[in-house]
Amino acid sequence: MFEYVLKFTSALLALFLFSVMPSSAQVKFPTEQLTIQTASGPQVFTVEIAVDGAQRQQGLMFREKMAADAGMLFDFGSSREVAMWMKNTLIPLDMLFIDDKGIVRKIHEGAKPHDETPLSSGGPVKYVLELNGGAVRARNIAVGNKVLSPQIGKAR
């Protein structure tokens, strides 16, 4: 009987500990190098890739900072109109809406932390790239630029 109670208590404790862990600790993101071809030359970033529902839902929420050459690439699997928001996002972001060929179709600069206003792609895209706020201007990124990465163009 004691052994049963001990196992039950251990299982209950483990369940409790996993339930109170931040959700960001449970979601893992692969990383890869991504290059944006701009008028002033290639701009290289190391990005985390969000391809499944849990990864896309978590995104960059609760991050207090991000390296200047970092970002997150959301892959929606097929081209469609998408909307992003900044719920629980602590840092300002620039968002690039990218079609299935890797062409930047729309840019939203300076998305505000915690703003739940939907930011629409305005047309069909397959990817959204989130960068630190101000990166678009600082790196001369523009609509029409080509984005290259192992993930972009990968069949899913």
C-alpha atoms as a PDB file:
ATOM      1  CA  MET A   1       0.000   0.000   0.000  1.00  0.00           C
ATOM      2  CA  PHE A   2       2.796   2.408   0.919  1.00  0.00           C
ATOM      3  CA  GLU A   3       4.441   1.789  -2.461  1.00  0.00           C
ATOM      4  CA  TYR A   4       1.167   2.634  -4.244  1.00  0.00           C
ATOM      5  CA  VAL A   5       0.766   5.893  -2.282  1.00  0.00           C
ATOM      6  CA  LEU A   6       4.391   6.817  -2.998  1.00  0.00           C
ATOM      7  CA  LYS A   7       3.966   6.201  -6.753  1.00  0.00           C
ATOM      8  CA  PHE A   8       0.680   8.108  -6.810  1.00  0.00           C
ATOM      9  CA  THR A   9       2.194  11.053  -4.915  1.00  0.00           C
ATOM     10  CA  SER A  10       5.233  11.097  -7.223  1.00  0.00           C
ATOM     11  CA  ALA A  11       3.009  11.066 -10.305  1.00  0.00           C
ATOM     12  CA  LEU A  12       0.862  13.851  -8.884  1.00  0.00           C
ATOM     13  CA  LEU A  13       3.942  15.948  -8.085  1.00  0.00           C
ATOM     14  CA  ALA A  14       5.343  15.419 -11.595  1.00  0.00           C
ATOM     15  CA  LEU A  15       2.007  16.430 -13.132  1.00  0.00           C
ATOM     16  CA  PHE A  16       1.921  19.574 -10.999  1.00  0.00           C
ATOM     17  CA  LEU A  17       5.489  20.546 -11.895  1.00  0.00           C
ATOM     18  CA  PHE A  18       4.857  20.134 -15.624  1.00  0.00           C
ATOM     19  CA  SER A  19       1.621  22.112 -15.431  1.00  0.00           C
ATOM     20  CA  VAL A  20       3.272  25.152 -13.823  1.00  0.00           C
ATOM     21  CA  MET A  21       6.266  25.274 -16.176  1.00  0.00           C
ATOM     22  CA  PRO A  22       6.092  28.151 -18.676  1.00  0.00           C
ATOM     23  CA  SER A  23       4.715  26.982 -22.003  1.00  0.00           C
ATOM     24  CA  SER A  24       7.736  28.463 -23.810  1.00  0.00           C
ATOM     25  CA  ALA A  25       9.915  25.845 -22.106  1.00  0.00           C
ATOM     26  CA  GLN A  26       7.824  23.092 -23.669  1.00  0.00           C
ATOM     27  CA  VAL A  27       7.942  24.356 -27.277  1.00  0.00           C
ATOM     28  CA  LYS A  28      11.191  23.815 -29.175  1.00  0.00           C
ATOM     29  CA  PHE A  29      12.161  25.648 -32.359  1.00  0.00           C
ATOM     30  CA  PRO A  30      14.737  24.490 -34.918  1.00  0.00           C
ATOM     31  CA  THR A  31      17.012  27.253 -36.249  1.00  0.00           C
ATOM     32  CA  GLU A  32      18.509  28.039 -39.641  1.00  0.00           C
ATOM     33  CA  GLN A  33      20.237  30.836 -41.493  1.00  0.00           C
ATOM     34  CA  LEU A  34      18.066  33.110 -43.627  1.00  0.00           C
ATOM     35  CA  THR A  35      19.217  35.755 -46.119  1.00  0.00           C
ATOM     36  CA  ILE A  36      17.237  38.714 -47.447  1.00  0.00           C
ATOM     37  CA  GLN A  37      18.556  40.116 -50.721  1.00  0.00           C
ATOM     38  CA  THR A  38      18.249  43.910 -50.462  1.00  0.00           C
ATOM     39  CA  ALA A  39      19.398  46.846 -52.603  1.00  0.00           C
ATOM     40  CA  SER A  40      22.253  47.390 -50.135  1.00  0.00           C
ATOM     41  CA  GLY A  41      23.348  43.746 -50.142  1.00  0.00           C
ATOM     42  CA  PRO A  42      22.474  40.488 -48.403  1.00  0.00           C
ATOM     43  CA  GLN A  43      21.108  40.713 -44.869  1.00  0.00           C
ATOM     44  CA  VAL A  44      21.735  37.524 -42.878  1.00  0.00           C
ATOM     45  CA  PHE A  45      19.721  36.379 -39.860  1.00  0.00           C
ATOM     46  CA  THR A  46      19.602  33.274 -37.677  1.00  0.00           C
ATOM     47  CA  VAL A  47      15.924  32.431 -37.344  1.00  0.00           C
ATOM     48  CA  GLU A  48      13.844  30.027 -35.333  1.00  0.00           C
ATOM     49  CA  ILE A  49      11.327  28.094 -37.425  1.00  0.00           C
ATOM     50  CA  ALA A  50       7.662  27.787 -36.384  1.00  0.00           C
ATOM     51  CA  VAL A  51       5.917  25.158 -38.507  1.00  0.00           C
ATOM     52  CA  ASP A  52       3.410  23.390 -36.284  1.00  0.00           C
ATOM     53  CA  GLY A  53       0.437  24.771 -34.408  1.00  0.00           C
ATOM     54  CA  ALA A  54       2.127  24.843 -30.996  1.00  0.00           C
ATOM     55  CA  GLN A  55       5.191  26.622 -32.382  1.00  0.00           C
ATOM     56  CA  ARG A  56       3.122  29.191 -34.296  1.00  0.00           C
ATOM     57  CA  GLN A  57       0.910  29.805 -31.258  1.00  0.00           C
ATOM     58  CA  GLN A  58       3.916  30.348 -28.955  1.00  0.00           C
ATOM     59  CA  GLY A  59       5.953  32.407 -31.435  1.00  0.00           C
ATOM     60  CA  LEU A  60       8.016  35.093 -29.723  1.00  0.00           C
ATOM     61  CA  MET A  61       5.655  35.493 -26.758  1.00  0.00           C
ATOM     62  CA  PHE A  62       7.270  36.269 -23.406  1.00  0.00           C
ATOM     63  CA  ARG A  63      10.724  36.959 -24.894  1.00  0.00           C
ATOM     64  CA  GLU A  64      12.353  39.921 -23.190  1.00  0.00           C
ATOM     65  CA  LYS A  65      14.988  40.406 -25.892  1.00  0.00           C
ATOM     66  CA  MET A  66      16.223  39.025 -29.177  1.00  0.00           C
ATOM     67  CA  ALA A  67      19.655  39.270 -30.791  1.00  0.00           C
ATOM     68  CA  ALA A  68      19.969  41.919 -33.523  1.00  0.00           C
ATOM     69  CA  ASP A  69      20.565  39.253 -36.180  1.00  0.00           C
ATOM     70  CA  ALA A  70      17.800  36.914 -34.972  1.00  0.00           C
ATOM     71  CA  GLY A  71      14.173  36.392 -35.893  1.00  0.00           C
ATOM     72  CA  MET A  72      11.387  33.861 -36.256  1.00  0.00           C
ATOM     73  CA  LEU A  73      10.047  32.446 -39.529  1.00  0.00           C
ATOM     74  CA  PHE A  74       6.446  31.215 -39.428  1.00  0.00           C
ATOM     75  CA  ASP A  75       5.640  28.634 -42.127  1.00  0.00           C
ATOM     76  CA  PHE A  76       1.892  28.246 -42.708  1.00  0.00           C
ATOM     77  CA  GLY A  77       2.286  25.246 -45.035  1.00  0.00           C
ATOM     78  CA  SER A  78       0.302  26.734 -47.925  1.00  0.00           C
ATOM     79  CA  SER A  79      -0.423  30.199 -49.298  1.00  0.00           C
ATOM     80  CA  ARG A  80      -3.338  31.992 -47.670  1.00  0.00           C
ATOM     81  CA  GLU A  81      -4.206  35.297 -46.055  1.00  0.00           C
ATOM     82  CA  VAL A  82      -2.859  35.349 -42.509  1.00  0.00           C
ATOM     83  CA  ALA A  83      -3.062  37.725 -39.563  1.00  0.00           C
ATOM     84  CA  MET A  84      -0.550  38.110 -36.753  1.00  0.00           C
ATOM     85  CA  TRP A  85      -0.881  39.797 -33.375  1.00  0.00           C
ATOM     86  CA  MET A  86       1.352  40.838 -30.497  1.00  0.00           C
ATOM     87  CA  LYS A  87      -0.489  39.257 -27.554  1.00  0.00           C
ATOM     88  CA  ASN A  88       2.036  38.531 -24.760  1.00  0.00           C
ATOM     89  CA  THR A  89       4.884  39.739 -26.979  1.00  0.00           C
ATOM     90  CA  LEU A  90       7.204  41.944 -24.950  1.00  0.00           C
ATOM     91  CA  ILE A  91       9.411  43.431 -27.695  1.00  0.00           C
ATOM     92  CA  PRO A  92       8.494  45.560 -30.739  1.00  0.00           C
ATOM     93  CA  LEU A  93       8.693  43.675 -34.021  1.00  0.00           C
ATOM     94  CA  ASP A  94       8.827  44.252 -37.765  1.00  0.00           C
ATOM     95  CA  MET A  95       6.835  41.674 -39.754  1.00  0.00           C
ATOM     96  CA  LEU A  96       7.558  40.615 -43.318  1.00  0.00           C
ATOM     97  CA  PHE A  97       4.772  38.792 -45.165  1.00  0.00           C
ATOM     98  CA  ILE A  98       6.397  36.489 -47.726  1.00  0.00           C
ATOM     99  CA  ASP A  99       4.874  34.496 -50.597  1.00  0.00           C
ATOM    100  CA  ASP A 100       5.624  30.880 -51.503  1.00  0.00           C
ATOM    101  CA  LYS A 101       8.432  31.983 -53.854  1.00  0.00           C
ATOM    102  CA  GLY A 102      10.218  33.875 -51.066  1.00  0.00           C
ATOM    103  CA  ILE A 103       9.227  37.380 -52.215  1.00  0.00           C
ATOM    104  CA  VAL A 104       8.364  39.971 -49.543  1.00  0.00           C
ATOM    105  CA  ARG A 105       4.796  41.066 -50.368  1.00  0.00           C
ATOM    106  CA  LYS A 106       4.025  43.314 -47.383  1.00  0.00           C
ATOM    107  CA  ILE A 107       5.867  44.780 -44.413  1.00  0.00           C
ATOM    108  CA  HIS A 108       4.450  45.945 -41.096  1.00  0.00           C
ATOM    109  CA  GLU A 109       7.030  47.972 -39.179  1.00  0.00           C
ATOM    110  CA  GLY A 110       6.944  48.608 -35.453  1.00  0.00           C
ATOM    111  CA  ALA A 111       4.282  46.213 -34.214  1.00  0.00           C
ATOM    112  CA  LYS A 112       3.651  47.259 -30.615  1.00  0.00           C
ATOM    113  CA  PRO A 113       4.103  44.890 -27.665  1.00  0.00           C
ATOM    114  CA  HIS A 114       0.849  43.430 -26.257  1.00  0.00           C
ATOM    115  CA  ASP A 115      -1.285  44.886 -29.097  1.00  0.00           C
ATOM    116  CA  GLU A 116      -4.002  42.391 -30.008  1.00  0.00           C
ATOM    117  CA  THR A 117      -4.987  44.195 -33.214  1.00  0.00           C
ATOM    118  CA  PRO A 118      -4.759  41.704 -36.110  1.00  0.00           C
ATOM    119  CA  LEU A 119      -2.010  42.582 -38.604  1.00  0.00           C
ATOM    120  CA  SER A 120      -3.144  41.168 -41.947  1.00  0.00           C
ATOM    121  CA  SER A 121      -0.993  39.979 -44.823  1.00  0.00           C
ATOM    122  CA  GLY A 122      -3.482  41.650 -47.173  1.00  0.00           C
ATOM    123  CA  GLY A 123      -3.233  38.717 -49.574  1.00  0.00           C
ATOM    124  CA  PRO A 124      -1.981  35.158 -49.831  1.00  0.00           C
ATOM    125  CA  VAL A 125       1.402  34.435 -48.220  1.00  0.00           C
ATOM    126  CA  LYS A 126       3.060  31.271 -46.969  1.00  0.00           C
ATOM    127  CA  TYR A 127       5.535  32.780 -44.487  1.00  0.00           C
ATOM    128  CA  VAL A 128       5.820  35.573 -41.952  1.00  0.00           C
ATOM    129  CA  LEU A 129       9.240  36.671 -40.740  1.00  0.00           C
ATOM    130  CA  GLU A 130       9.378  38.534 -37.427  1.00  0.00           C
ATOM    131  CA  LEU A 131      12.458  40.660 -36.771  1.00  0.00           C
ATOM    132  CA  ASN A 132      13.333  43.159 -34.063  1.00  0.00           C
ATOM    133  CA  GLY A 133      11.508  46.453 -34.425  1.00  0.00           C
ATOM    134  CA  GLY A 134      13.613  48.819 -36.535  1.00  0.00           C
ATOM    135  CA  ALA A 135      15.420  46.051 -38.454  1.00  0.00           C
ATOM    136  CA  VAL A 136      13.533  46.757 -41.696  1.00  0.00           C
ATOM    137  CA  ARG A 137      14.650  50.380 -41.799  1.00  0.00           C
ATOM    138  CA  ALA A 138      18.175  49.748 -40.475  1.00  0.00           C
ATOM    139  CA  ARG A 139      18.837  47.017 -43.038  1.00  0.00           C
ATOM    140  CA  ASN A 140      17.038  48.615 -45.992  1.00  0.00           C
ATOM    141  CA  ILE A 141      14.546  45.743 -46.342  1.00  0.00           C
ATOM    142  CA  ALA A 142      11.731  46.433 -48.812  1.00  0.00           C
ATOM    143  CA  VAL A 143       8.688  44.898 -50.470  1.00  0.00           C
ATOM    144  CA  GLY A 144       9.903  42.873 -53.449  1.00  0.00           C
ATOM    145  CA  ASN A 145      13.098  41.652 -51.750  1.00  0.00           C
ATOM    146  CA  LYS A 146      13.897  37.947 -52.117  1.00  0.00           C
ATOM    147  CA  VAL A 147      14.201  35.821 -48.960  1.00  0.00           C
ATOM    148  CA  LEU A 148      16.351  32.675 -49.087  1.00  0.00           C
ATOM    149  CA  SER A 149      16.458  29.892 -46.505  1.00  0.00           C
ATOM    150  CA  PRO A 150      16.303  26.100 -46.364  1.00  0.00           C
ATOM    151  CA  GLN A 151      12.691  26.341 -45.079  1.00  0.00           C
ATOM    152  CA  ILE A 152      11.448  28.633 -47.853  1.00  0.00           C
ATOM    153  CA  GLY A 153      10.682  26.528 -50.874  1.00  0.00           C
ATOM    154  CA  LYS A 154      10.657  23.291 -48.884  1.00  0.00           C
ATOM    155  CA  ALA A 155       7.661  21.131 -49.795  1.00  0.00           C
ATOM    156  CA  ARG A 156       5.457  20.181 -46.834  1.00  0.00           C
END
